[in-house]
Amino acid sequence: MWVMVMYDLPMVTEKERKIYSKFRKRMLDDGFMLFQFSLYLRHCSSRENADVHINRVKAILPPEGRIGIFAITDKQFGNIEIFNGKTHTKHEPTPVQLTLF
């Protein structure tokens, strides 16, 4: 599963910029990576693991702004077409997951 978080936060005042920076840093600390501006994603090994990270994001939501959180499967993520201008680019492969028995 892939968890995607997209957001649009106010950054007019110094206080709002600090709130934005703290939110972004806490997402990075939780393993999210920048996909494009204001869109971060994280690979999760299962729906249950995705729910854990979704709940972590919900726990750090800033008081203002618009935030969207959704989860998609590896297959759905693999169907994303990414372009840099008119040039088609490949997205990064799914991380290899370690399975312990």
Protein backbone atom coordinates (compact mmCIF):
# COMPACT_ATOMS: atom_id res chain seq x y z
CA MET A 1 0.00 0.00 0.00
CA TRP A 2 1.01 3.59 -0.52
CA VAL A 3 -0.19 6.36 1.77
CA MET A 4 -0.35 9.77 0.13
CA VAL A 5 -0.76 13.03 2.00
CA MET A 6 -1.51 16.19 0.07
CA TYR A 7 -1.87 19.53 1.75
CA ASP A 8 -2.19 23.25 1.30
CA LEU A 9 -1.22 25.13 4.46
CA PRO A 10 -1.14 28.88 5.03
CA MET A 11 2.37 30.36 5.24
CA VAL A 12 1.78 34.11 5.53
CA THR A 13 2.90 34.73 9.09
CA GLU A 14 6.02 33.50 10.88
CA LYS A 15 3.84 31.35 13.15
CA GLU A 16 2.15 29.69 10.13
CA ARG A 17 5.54 28.96 8.54
CA LYS A 18 6.71 27.30 11.77
CA ILE A 19 3.54 25.18 11.90
CA TYR A 20 4.10 24.18 8.25
CA SER A 21 7.75 23.29 8.89
CA LYS A 22 6.90 21.24 11.98
CA PHE A 23 4.16 19.32 10.12
CA ARG A 24 6.49 18.61 7.17
CA LYS A 25 9.38 17.55 9.43
CA ARG A 26 7.19 15.18 11.45
CA MET A 27 5.96 13.55 8.23
CA LEU A 28 9.56 13.12 7.04
CA ASP A 29 10.46 11.64 10.44
CA ASP A 30 7.64 9.11 9.95
CA GLY A 31 9.14 7.95 6.65
CA PHE A 32 7.17 9.99 4.13
CA MET A 33 9.06 11.26 1.09
CA LEU A 34 8.41 14.17 -1.22
CA PHE A 35 6.61 13.13 -4.41
CA GLN A 36 5.95 16.66 -5.60
CA PHE A 37 5.27 19.98 -3.88
CA SER A 38 2.80 19.47 -1.02
CA LEU A 39 2.37 15.77 -1.84
CA TYR A 40 4.20 13.23 0.28
CA LEU A 41 3.99 9.46 0.13
CA ARG A 42 5.07 6.45 2.13
CA HIS A 43 5.14 2.77 1.25
CA CYS A 44 3.49 0.46 3.79
CA SER A 45 3.60 -3.33 3.88
CA SER A 46 -0.11 -3.80 4.65
CA ARG A 47 -3.41 -1.99 5.14
CA GLU A 48 -2.95 -2.26 8.90
CA ASN A 49 0.47 -0.61 8.66
CA ALA A 50 -0.99 2.09 6.41
CA ASP A 51 -3.67 2.77 9.02
CA VAL A 52 -0.95 3.29 11.64
CA HIS A 53 0.72 5.97 9.52
CA ILE A 54 -2.59 7.57 8.56
CA ASN A 55 -3.44 7.87 12.25
CA ARG A 56 -0.02 9.42 12.93
CA VAL A 57 -0.67 12.08 10.30
CA LYS A 58 -4.13 12.73 11.76
CA ALA A 59 -2.52 13.21 15.18
CA ILE A 60 -0.25 16.02 13.90
CA LEU A 61 -2.76 17.89 11.70
CA PRO A 62 -2.24 21.66 11.87
CA PRO A 63 -5.15 23.83 13.05
CA GLU A 64 -5.64 25.41 9.60
CA GLY A 65 -5.22 24.39 5.97
CA ARG A 66 -6.52 21.60 3.77
CA ILE A 67 -5.08 18.11 4.10
CA GLY A 68 -6.05 15.02 2.13
CA ILE A 69 -4.94 11.50 3.06
CA PHE A 70 -5.52 8.42 0.96
CA ALA A 71 -4.12 4.93 0.46
CA ILE A 72 -3.67 3.09 -2.82
CA THR A 73 -2.40 -0.36 -3.66
CA ASP A 74 0.98 -1.11 -5.22
CA LYS A 75 -0.79 -2.01 -8.48
CA GLN A 76 -2.66 1.31 -8.55
CA PHE A 77 0.55 3.18 -7.79
CA GLY A 78 2.31 1.30 -10.58
CA ASN A 79 -0.26 2.63 -13.04
CA ILE A 80 0.59 6.27 -12.31
CA GLU A 81 1.99 8.03 -15.36
CA ILE A 82 4.51 10.75 -14.49
CA PHE A 83 5.61 13.49 -16.84
CA ASN A 84 8.29 16.14 -16.60
CA GLY A 85 6.86 18.60 -19.08
CA LYS A 86 6.05 16.42 -22.08
CA THR A 87 8.73 13.86 -21.22
CA HIS A 88 7.42 10.63 -19.72
CA THR A 89 9.49 9.57 -16.71
CA LYS A 90 9.55 6.39 -14.69
CA HIS A 91 8.62 6.53 -11.03
CA GLU A 92 10.77 4.92 -8.40
CA PRO A 93 10.23 1.19 -7.96
CA THR A 94 8.40 -0.20 -4.96
CA PRO A 95 10.80 -0.60 -2.03
CA VAL A 96 11.74 -4.18 -1.21
CA GLN A 97 10.05 -5.31 1.99
CA LEU A 98 11.79 -7.59 4.44
CA THR A 99 9.56 -10.47 5.54
CA LEU A 100 10.34 -12.20 8.81
CA PHE A 101 8.91 -15.58 9.71
